[in-house]
Amino acid sequence: MLEVKGIDVSYGHARVVHDLNLRLDRGEMVFIVGRNGAGKTTLLKTVAGLLRPVKGTITFQDKEIHGLPAEKLARRGFRFVAQEKKVFSSLTVRSNIELAAHGAGEDLDTALKKATSIYPDLSRFMDKKAGGLSGGQREILLIGRALIGEPKILLIDEPTEGLAVIVIEDIFRILREMKEKVSAVIVEQNLSVVSRLADRIYIMKEGKIIKEFANKAEIADITELERYL
């Protein structure tokens, strides 16, 4: 479905990602794990069309897409949820969802049902300014917005970072239910979440993939995963 092959990515003269290969099959949830500075966010931004590789190819459904801008990839079904948990703070939750619906060409009622189906409590906050939500609620809103329309691939950067344990469980449940609807590449450091959800794990270090876990028993072994962090 999605294949990243031999890409290099640079910021100016600084090479951040080196000869990286990754694949995402239909229906999979693939996780990228690694220490800070490993290049994980750079990789996601490149796949999302926010950065352009200086070498290598990215293909989606057997068509080359590297170099396409983010807005064109969005029209092809890509959704990127950034690490910063940025919503339209001055707008209400309803307006945030309405903007996503407009961009995806979906009617508002359908969009609202999708967003609240993953987290019913969102319905209580519809008239609240999105900037007043907690970090976890903002992350849930962003994931809900990303599911509007007919997304084919979700790219999510650190969905549980900085969140309380009880909210992490909400995020885990949402991601687990999402597996049946859309394929995803997720950067995540919470190994409990990773080991319970992953179909495949890539370990990144210094801009390279140094290990791939695809065996279910290996994926479930958090102690083994911790060796690489």
C-alpha atoms as a PDB file:
ATOM      1  CA  MET A   1       0.000   0.000   0.000  1.00  0.00           C
ATOM      2  CA  LEU A   2       2.682   2.483   1.100  1.00  0.00           C
ATOM      3  CA  GLU A   3       6.384   1.928   0.510  1.00  0.00           C
ATOM      4  CA  VAL A   4       9.273   4.142   1.501  1.00  0.00           C
ATOM      5  CA  LYS A   5      12.431   3.082  -0.277  1.00  0.00           C
ATOM      6  CA  GLY A   6      15.957   4.350   0.269  1.00  0.00           C
ATOM      7  CA  ILE A   7      15.051   7.906   1.263  1.00  0.00           C
ATOM      8  CA  ASP A   8      17.456  10.523   2.550  1.00  0.00           C
ATOM      9  CA  VAL A   9      16.063  13.701   4.110  1.00  0.00           C
ATOM     10  CA  SER A  10      18.040  16.813   5.001  1.00  0.00           C
ATOM     11  CA  TYR A  11      17.552  20.102   6.781  1.00  0.00           C
ATOM     12  CA  GLY A  12      19.934  22.316   4.819  1.00  0.00           C
ATOM     13  CA  HIS A  13      23.282  20.524   4.837  1.00  0.00           C
ATOM     14  CA  ALA A  14      22.365  18.325   7.799  1.00  0.00           C
ATOM     15  CA  ARG A  15      21.302  14.808   6.757  1.00  0.00           C
ATOM     16  CA  VAL A  16      18.618  13.648   9.200  1.00  0.00           C
ATOM     17  CA  VAL A  17      17.270  10.462   7.591  1.00  0.00           C
ATOM     18  CA  HIS A  18      19.592   8.022   5.840  1.00  0.00           C
ATOM     19  CA  ASP A  19      18.697   5.351   3.264  1.00  0.00           C
ATOM     20  CA  LEU A  20      15.473   4.498   5.065  1.00  0.00           C
ATOM     21  CA  ASN A  21      13.069   1.737   4.031  1.00  0.00           C
ATOM     22  CA  LEU A  22       9.573   1.208   5.436  1.00  0.00           C
ATOM     23  CA  ARG A  23       6.335  -0.334   4.308  1.00  0.00           C
ATOM     24  CA  LEU A  24       2.716  -0.175   5.401  1.00  0.00           C
ATOM     25  CA  ASP A  25       0.274  -2.809   4.174  1.00  0.00           C
ATOM     26  CA  ARG A  26      -3.467  -2.293   4.005  1.00  0.00           C
ATOM     27  CA  GLY A  27      -5.100  -2.672   7.422  1.00  0.00           C
ATOM     28  CA  GLU A  28      -1.818  -2.464   9.320  1.00  0.00           C
ATOM     29  CA  MET A  29      -0.812  -0.321  12.243  1.00  0.00           C
ATOM     30  CA  VAL A  30       2.931   0.241  12.080  1.00  0.00           C
ATOM     31  CA  PHE A  31       4.854   1.936  14.888  1.00  0.00           C
ATOM     32  CA  ILE A  32       8.112   3.884  14.777  1.00  0.00           C
ATOM     33  CA  VAL A  33      10.075   3.785  18.031  1.00  0.00           C
ATOM     34  CA  GLY A  34      13.339   5.487  18.922  1.00  0.00           C
ATOM     35  CA  ARG A  35      15.042   8.011  21.151  1.00  0.00           C
ATOM     36  CA  ASN A  36      14.623  11.754  20.773  1.00  0.00           C
ATOM     37  CA  GLY A  37      16.488  13.027  17.737  1.00  0.00           C
ATOM     38  CA  ALA A  38      16.328   9.716  15.892  1.00  0.00           C
ATOM     39  CA  GLY A  39      14.502  11.283  12.935  1.00  0.00           C
ATOM     40  CA  LYS A  40      11.032   9.873  13.600  1.00  0.00           C
ATOM     41  CA  THR A  41       9.132  13.135  13.170  1.00  0.00           C
ATOM     42  CA  THR A  42      11.176  13.986  10.079  1.00  0.00           C
ATOM     43  CA  LEU A  43      10.160  10.656   8.572  1.00  0.00           C
ATOM     44  CA  LEU A  44       6.446  11.266   9.225  1.00  0.00           C
ATOM     45  CA  LYS A  45       6.608  14.807   7.839  1.00  0.00           C
ATOM     46  CA  THR A  46       8.299  13.502   4.695  1.00  0.00           C
ATOM     47  CA  VAL A  47       5.632  10.865   4.110  1.00  0.00           C
ATOM     48  CA  ALA A  48       2.965  13.531   4.756  1.00  0.00           C
ATOM     49  CA  GLY A  49       4.437  15.803   2.071  1.00  0.00           C
ATOM     50  CA  LEU A  50       5.687  18.489   4.450  1.00  0.00           C
ATOM     51  CA  LEU A  51       9.317  17.685   3.617  1.00  0.00           C
ATOM     52  CA  ARG A  52      10.843  16.411   0.406  1.00  0.00           C
ATOM     53  CA  PRO A  53      13.422  13.611   0.293  1.00  0.00           C
ATOM     54  CA  VAL A  54      16.695  14.394  -1.444  1.00  0.00           C
ATOM     55  CA  LYS A  55      17.004  10.764  -2.483  1.00  0.00           C
ATOM     56  CA  GLY A  56      14.813   7.669  -2.738  1.00  0.00           C
ATOM     57  CA  THR A  57      11.136   7.063  -3.494  1.00  0.00           C
ATOM     58  CA  ILE A  58       7.801   6.970  -1.705  1.00  0.00           C
ATOM     59  CA  THR A  59       4.979   5.105  -3.417  1.00  0.00           C
ATOM     60  CA  PHE A  60       1.308   4.808  -2.506  1.00  0.00           C
ATOM     61  CA  GLN A  61      -0.824   2.216  -4.262  1.00  0.00           C
ATOM     62  CA  ASP A  62       2.066   1.690  -6.716  1.00  0.00           C
ATOM     63  CA  LYS A  63       2.258   5.379  -7.695  1.00  0.00           C
ATOM     64  CA  GLU A  64       5.173   7.645  -6.787  1.00  0.00           C
ATOM     65  CA  ILE A  65       4.113  10.423  -4.420  1.00  0.00           C
ATOM     66  CA  HIS A  66       7.380  11.869  -3.065  1.00  0.00           C
ATOM     67  CA  GLY A  67       7.542  15.539  -3.834  1.00  0.00           C
ATOM     68  CA  LEU A  68       3.757  15.994  -3.856  1.00  0.00           C
ATOM     69  CA  PRO A  69       2.644  18.780  -1.496  1.00  0.00           C
ATOM     70  CA  ALA A  70       0.703  17.955   1.651  1.00  0.00           C
ATOM     71  CA  GLU A  71      -2.601  19.295   0.295  1.00  0.00           C
ATOM     72  CA  LYS A  72      -2.494  16.909  -2.686  1.00  0.00           C
ATOM     73  CA  LEU A  73      -1.682  13.986  -0.444  1.00  0.00           C
ATOM     74  CA  ALA A  74      -4.582  14.979   1.808  1.00  0.00           C
ATOM     75  CA  ARG A  75      -6.883  14.689  -1.195  1.00  0.00           C
ATOM     76  CA  ARG A  76      -5.523  11.183  -1.765  1.00  0.00           C
ATOM     77  CA  GLY A  77      -6.483  10.202   1.782  1.00  0.00           C
ATOM     78  CA  PHE A  78      -3.422  11.055   3.885  1.00  0.00           C
ATOM     79  CA  ARG A  79      -3.979  12.599   7.318  1.00  0.00           C
ATOM     80  CA  PHE A  80      -1.183  13.899   9.549  1.00  0.00           C
ATOM     81  CA  VAL A  81      -1.664  14.468  13.295  1.00  0.00           C
ATOM     82  CA  ALA A  82       1.325  16.449  14.542  1.00  0.00           C
ATOM     83  CA  GLN A  83       3.053  16.020  17.884  1.00  0.00           C
ATOM     84  CA  GLU A  84       2.252  19.537  19.088  1.00  0.00           C
ATOM     85  CA  LYS A  85      -1.486  18.850  19.541  1.00  0.00           C
ATOM     86  CA  LYS A  86      -2.357  22.135  17.830  1.00  0.00           C
ATOM     87  CA  VAL A  87      -6.047  22.816  17.304  1.00  0.00           C
ATOM     88  CA  PHE A  88      -7.741  26.031  16.178  1.00  0.00           C
ATOM     89  CA  SER A  89      -7.694  27.361  19.728  1.00  0.00           C
ATOM     90  CA  SER A  90      -9.962  30.382  19.247  1.00  0.00           C
ATOM     91  CA  LEU A  91     -12.677  28.306  17.569  1.00  0.00           C
ATOM     92  CA  THR A  92     -15.153  25.975  19.217  1.00  0.00           C
ATOM     93  CA  VAL A  93     -14.818  22.216  19.009  1.00  0.00           C
ATOM     94  CA  ARG A  94     -17.773  22.206  16.602  1.00  0.00           C
ATOM     95  CA  SER A  95     -16.058  24.737  14.339  1.00  0.00           C
ATOM     96  CA  ASN A  96     -12.857  22.698  14.376  1.00  0.00           C
ATOM     97  CA  ILE A  97     -14.813  19.691  13.180  1.00  0.00           C
ATOM     98  CA  GLU A  98     -16.698  21.798  10.642  1.00  0.00           C
ATOM     99  CA  LEU A  99     -13.436  23.011   9.090  1.00  0.00           C
ATOM    100  CA  ALA A 100     -12.192  19.439   8.778  1.00  0.00           C
ATOM    101  CA  ALA A 101     -15.503  18.384   7.228  1.00  0.00           C
ATOM    102  CA  HIS A 102     -15.354  21.211   4.695  1.00  0.00           C
ATOM    103  CA  GLY A 103     -11.810  20.272   3.715  1.00  0.00           C
ATOM    104  CA  ALA A 104     -12.718  16.595   3.358  1.00  0.00           C
ATOM    105  CA  GLY A 105     -15.948  17.253   1.455  1.00  0.00           C
ATOM    106  CA  GLU A 106     -18.108  15.608   4.107  1.00  0.00           C
ATOM    107  CA  ASP A 107     -21.368  16.961   5.524  1.00  0.00           C
ATOM    108  CA  LEU A 108     -21.209  18.303   9.061  1.00  0.00           C
ATOM    109  CA  ASP A 109     -23.693  15.872  10.619  1.00  0.00           C
ATOM    110  CA  THR A 110     -21.686  12.883   9.385  1.00  0.00           C
ATOM    111  CA  ALA A 111     -18.442  14.480  10.563  1.00  0.00           C
ATOM    112  CA  LEU A 112     -19.856  15.187  14.016  1.00  0.00           C
ATOM    113  CA  LYS A 113     -21.084  11.594  14.339  1.00  0.00           C
ATOM    114  CA  LYS A 114     -17.642  10.262  13.411  1.00  0.00           C
ATOM    115  CA  ALA A 115     -15.865  12.502  15.895  1.00  0.00           C
ATOM    116  CA  THR A 116     -18.225  11.745  18.773  1.00  0.00           C
ATOM    117  CA  SER A 117     -18.381   8.025  17.996  1.00  0.00           C
ATOM    118  CA  ILE A 118     -14.717   7.650  18.966  1.00  0.00           C
ATOM    119  CA  TYR A 119     -15.138   9.713  22.137  1.00  0.00           C
ATOM    120  CA  PRO A 120     -18.738  10.460  23.145  1.00  0.00           C
ATOM    121  CA  ASP A 121     -17.647  13.085  25.703  1.00  0.00           C
ATOM    122  CA  LEU A 122     -16.714  15.367  22.801  1.00  0.00           C
ATOM    123  CA  SER A 123     -20.409  16.088  22.422  1.00  0.00           C
ATOM    124  CA  ARG A 124     -20.288  17.909  25.789  1.00  0.00           C
ATOM    125  CA  PHE A 125     -17.593  20.266  24.549  1.00  0.00           C
ATOM    126  CA  MET A 126     -19.019  21.276  21.180  1.00  0.00           C
ATOM    127  CA  ASP A 127     -19.522  24.909  22.151  1.00  0.00           C
ATOM    128  CA  LYS A 128     -16.296  25.183  24.127  1.00  0.00           C
ATOM    129  CA  LYS A 129     -13.215  26.893  22.687  1.00  0.00           C
ATOM    130  CA  ALA A 130     -10.807  24.168  21.578  1.00  0.00           C
ATOM    131  CA  GLY A 131      -7.943  26.004  23.265  1.00  0.00           C
ATOM    132  CA  GLY A 132      -9.586  25.314  26.628  1.00  0.00           C
ATOM    133  CA  LEU A 133      -9.448  21.539  26.208  1.00  0.00           C
ATOM    134  CA  SER A 134      -6.937  19.419  28.076  1.00  0.00           C
ATOM    135  CA  GLY A 135      -3.984  17.951  26.178  1.00  0.00           C
ATOM    136  CA  GLY A 136      -5.705  14.592  25.946  1.00  0.00           C
ATOM    137  CA  GLN A 137      -8.960  16.102  24.730  1.00  0.00           C
ATOM    138  CA  ARG A 138      -7.083  18.069  22.066  1.00  0.00           C
ATOM    139  CA  GLU A 139      -5.363  14.900  20.886  1.00  0.00           C
ATOM    140  CA  ILE A 140      -8.699  13.085  20.692  1.00  0.00           C
ATOM    141  CA  LEU A 141     -10.196  16.008  18.760  1.00  0.00           C
ATOM    142  CA  LEU A 142      -7.283  15.913  16.310  1.00  0.00           C
ATOM    143  CA  ILE A 143      -7.653  12.166  15.754  1.00  0.00           C
ATOM    144  CA  GLY A 144     -11.408  12.605  15.355  1.00  0.00           C
ATOM    145  CA  ARG A 145     -10.837  15.329  12.763  1.00  0.00           C
ATOM    146  CA  ALA A 146      -8.343  13.113  10.926  1.00  0.00           C
ATOM    147  CA  LEU A 147     -10.961  10.370  10.565  1.00  0.00           C
ATOM    148  CA  ILE A 148     -13.386  12.717   8.778  1.00  0.00           C
ATOM    149  CA  GLY A 149     -13.826  12.038   5.090  1.00  0.00           C
ATOM    150  CA  GLU A 150     -12.423   8.799   3.728  1.00  0.00           C
ATOM    151  CA  PRO A 151      -8.832   8.665   5.018  1.00  0.00           C
ATOM    152  CA  LYS A 152      -6.626   5.865   3.761  1.00  0.00           C
ATOM    153  CA  ILE A 153      -3.499   6.488   5.829  1.00  0.00           C
ATOM    154  CA  LEU A 154      -3.117   8.185   9.204  1.00  0.00           C
ATOM    155  CA  LEU A 155       0.292   9.485  10.258  1.00  0.00           C
ATOM    156  CA  ILE A 156       0.257  10.243  13.994  1.00  0.00           C
ATOM    157  CA  ASP A 157       3.186  11.684  15.932  1.00  0.00           C
ATOM    158  CA  GLU A 158       3.435  10.848  19.661  1.00  0.00           C
ATOM    159  CA  PRO A 159      -0.303  10.612  20.463  1.00  0.00           C
ATOM    160  CA  THR A 160       0.197   9.793  24.166  1.00  0.00           C
ATOM    161  CA  GLU A 161       3.085  12.140  24.946  1.00  0.00           C
ATOM    162  CA  GLY A 162       2.597  14.073  28.177  1.00  0.00           C
ATOM    163  CA  LEU A 163      -0.809  12.565  28.929  1.00  0.00           C
ATOM    164  CA  ALA A 164      -2.120  11.049  32.162  1.00  0.00           C
ATOM    165  CA  VAL A 165      -2.456   7.270  32.369  1.00  0.00           C
ATOM    166  CA  ILE A 166      -6.269   7.364  32.271  1.00  0.00           C
ATOM    167  CA  VAL A 167      -6.202   9.458  29.077  1.00  0.00           C
ATOM    168  CA  ILE A 168      -3.592   7.176  27.514  1.00  0.00           C
ATOM    169  CA  GLU A 169      -6.077   4.341  27.929  1.00  0.00           C
ATOM    170  CA  ASP A 170      -8.680   6.420  26.064  1.00  0.00           C
ATOM    171  CA  ILE A 171      -6.175   7.004  23.247  1.00  0.00           C
ATOM    172  CA  PHE A 172      -5.315   3.292  23.221  1.00  0.00           C
ATOM    173  CA  ARG A 173      -8.991   2.361  22.874  1.00  0.00           C
ATOM    174  CA  ILE A 174      -9.499   4.870  20.051  1.00  0.00           C
ATOM    175  CA  LEU A 175      -6.449   3.585  18.166  1.00  0.00           C
ATOM    176  CA  ARG A 176      -7.529  -0.030  18.668  1.00  0.00           C
ATOM    177  CA  GLU A 177     -10.987   0.683  17.227  1.00  0.00           C
ATOM    178  CA  MET A 178      -9.406   2.711  14.428  1.00  0.00           C
ATOM    179  CA  LYS A 179      -7.412  -0.332  13.262  1.00  0.00           C
ATOM    180  CA  GLU A 180     -10.514  -1.739  11.599  1.00  0.00           C
ATOM    181  CA  LYS A 181     -11.047   1.409   9.521  1.00  0.00           C
ATOM    182  CA  VAL A 182      -7.735   2.855   8.383  1.00  0.00           C
ATOM    183  CA  SER A 183      -4.044   1.979   8.040  1.00  0.00           C
ATOM    184  CA  ALA A 184      -1.621   3.978  10.174  1.00  0.00           C
ATOM    185  CA  VAL A 185       2.012   4.820  10.825  1.00  0.00           C
ATOM    186  CA  ILE A 186       2.444   6.035  14.395  1.00  0.00           C
ATOM    187  CA  VAL A 187       5.448   7.411  16.264  1.00  0.00           C
ATOM    188  CA  GLU A 188       5.067   6.383  19.897  1.00  0.00           C
ATOM    189  CA  GLN A 189       7.304   5.947  22.942  1.00  0.00           C
ATOM    190  CA  ASN A 190       4.812   4.247  25.270  1.00  0.00           C
ATOM    191  CA  LEU A 191       5.851   0.635  24.759  1.00  0.00           C
ATOM    192  CA  SER A 192       2.758  -0.720  26.495  1.00  0.00           C
ATOM    193  CA  VAL A 193       0.604   0.927  23.824  1.00  0.00           C
ATOM    194  CA  VAL A 194       2.987  -0.116  21.053  1.00  0.00           C
ATOM    195  CA  SER A 195       3.211  -3.775  22.060  1.00  0.00           C
ATOM    196  CA  ARG A 196      -0.579  -4.109  22.324  1.00  0.00           C
ATOM    197  CA  LEU A 197      -1.413  -2.488  18.981  1.00  0.00           C
ATOM    198  CA  ALA A 198       1.460  -2.944  16.562  1.00  0.00           C
ATOM    199  CA  ASP A 199       1.408  -5.201  13.533  1.00  0.00           C
ATOM    200  CA  ARG A 200       5.019  -4.186  12.921  1.00  0.00           C
ATOM    201  CA  ILE A 201       7.569  -2.036  14.718  1.00  0.00           C
ATOM    202  CA  TYR A 202      10.523  -0.172  13.255  1.00  0.00           C
ATOM    203  CA  ILE A 203      13.294   0.965  15.590  1.00  0.00           C
ATOM    204  CA  MET A 204      15.015   4.193  14.498  1.00  0.00           C
ATOM    205  CA  LYS A 205      18.428   5.402  15.584  1.00  0.00           C
ATOM    206  CA  GLU A 206      20.393   8.321  14.159  1.00  0.00           C
ATOM    207  CA  GLY A 207      18.147   8.578  11.122  1.00  0.00           C
ATOM    208  CA  LYS A 208      18.208   4.902  10.210  1.00  0.00           C
ATOM    209  CA  ILE A 209      16.003   1.870  10.739  1.00  0.00           C
ATOM    210  CA  ILE A 210      18.159  -0.481  12.790  1.00  0.00           C
ATOM    211  CA  LYS A 211      15.606  -3.173  13.618  1.00  0.00           C
ATOM    212  CA  GLU A 212      12.202  -4.409  12.462  1.00  0.00           C
ATOM    213  CA  PHE A 213       9.861  -6.448  14.634  1.00  0.00           C
ATOM    214  CA  ALA A 214       7.114  -8.307  12.777  1.00  0.00           C
ATOM    215  CA  ASN A 215       6.714 -11.423  14.895  1.00  0.00           C
ATOM    216  CA  LYS A 216       3.823 -11.169  17.384  1.00  0.00           C
ATOM    217  CA  ALA A 217       5.827 -12.734  20.202  1.00  0.00           C
ATOM    218  CA  GLU A 218       8.682 -10.257  19.660  1.00  0.00           C
ATOM    219  CA  ILE A 219       6.268  -7.325  19.491  1.00  0.00           C
ATOM    220  CA  ALA A 220       4.692  -8.352  22.800  1.00  0.00           C
ATOM    221  CA  ASP A 221       8.099  -8.521  24.544  1.00  0.00           C
ATOM    222  CA  ILE A 222       8.489  -5.030  26.028  1.00  0.00           C
ATOM    223  CA  THR A 223      11.822  -5.982  27.623  1.00  0.00           C
ATOM    224  CA  GLU A 224      13.259  -6.699  24.188  1.00  0.00           C
ATOM    225  CA  LEU A 225      11.930  -3.425  22.794  1.00  0.00           C
ATOM    226  CA  GLU A 226      13.445  -1.514  25.709  1.00  0.00           C
ATOM    227  CA  ARG A 227      16.924  -2.676  24.684  1.00  0.00           C
ATOM    228  CA  TYR A 228      16.773  -0.259  21.757  1.00  0.00           C
ATOM    229  CA  LEU A 229      15.722   2.821  23.751  1.00  0.00           C
END
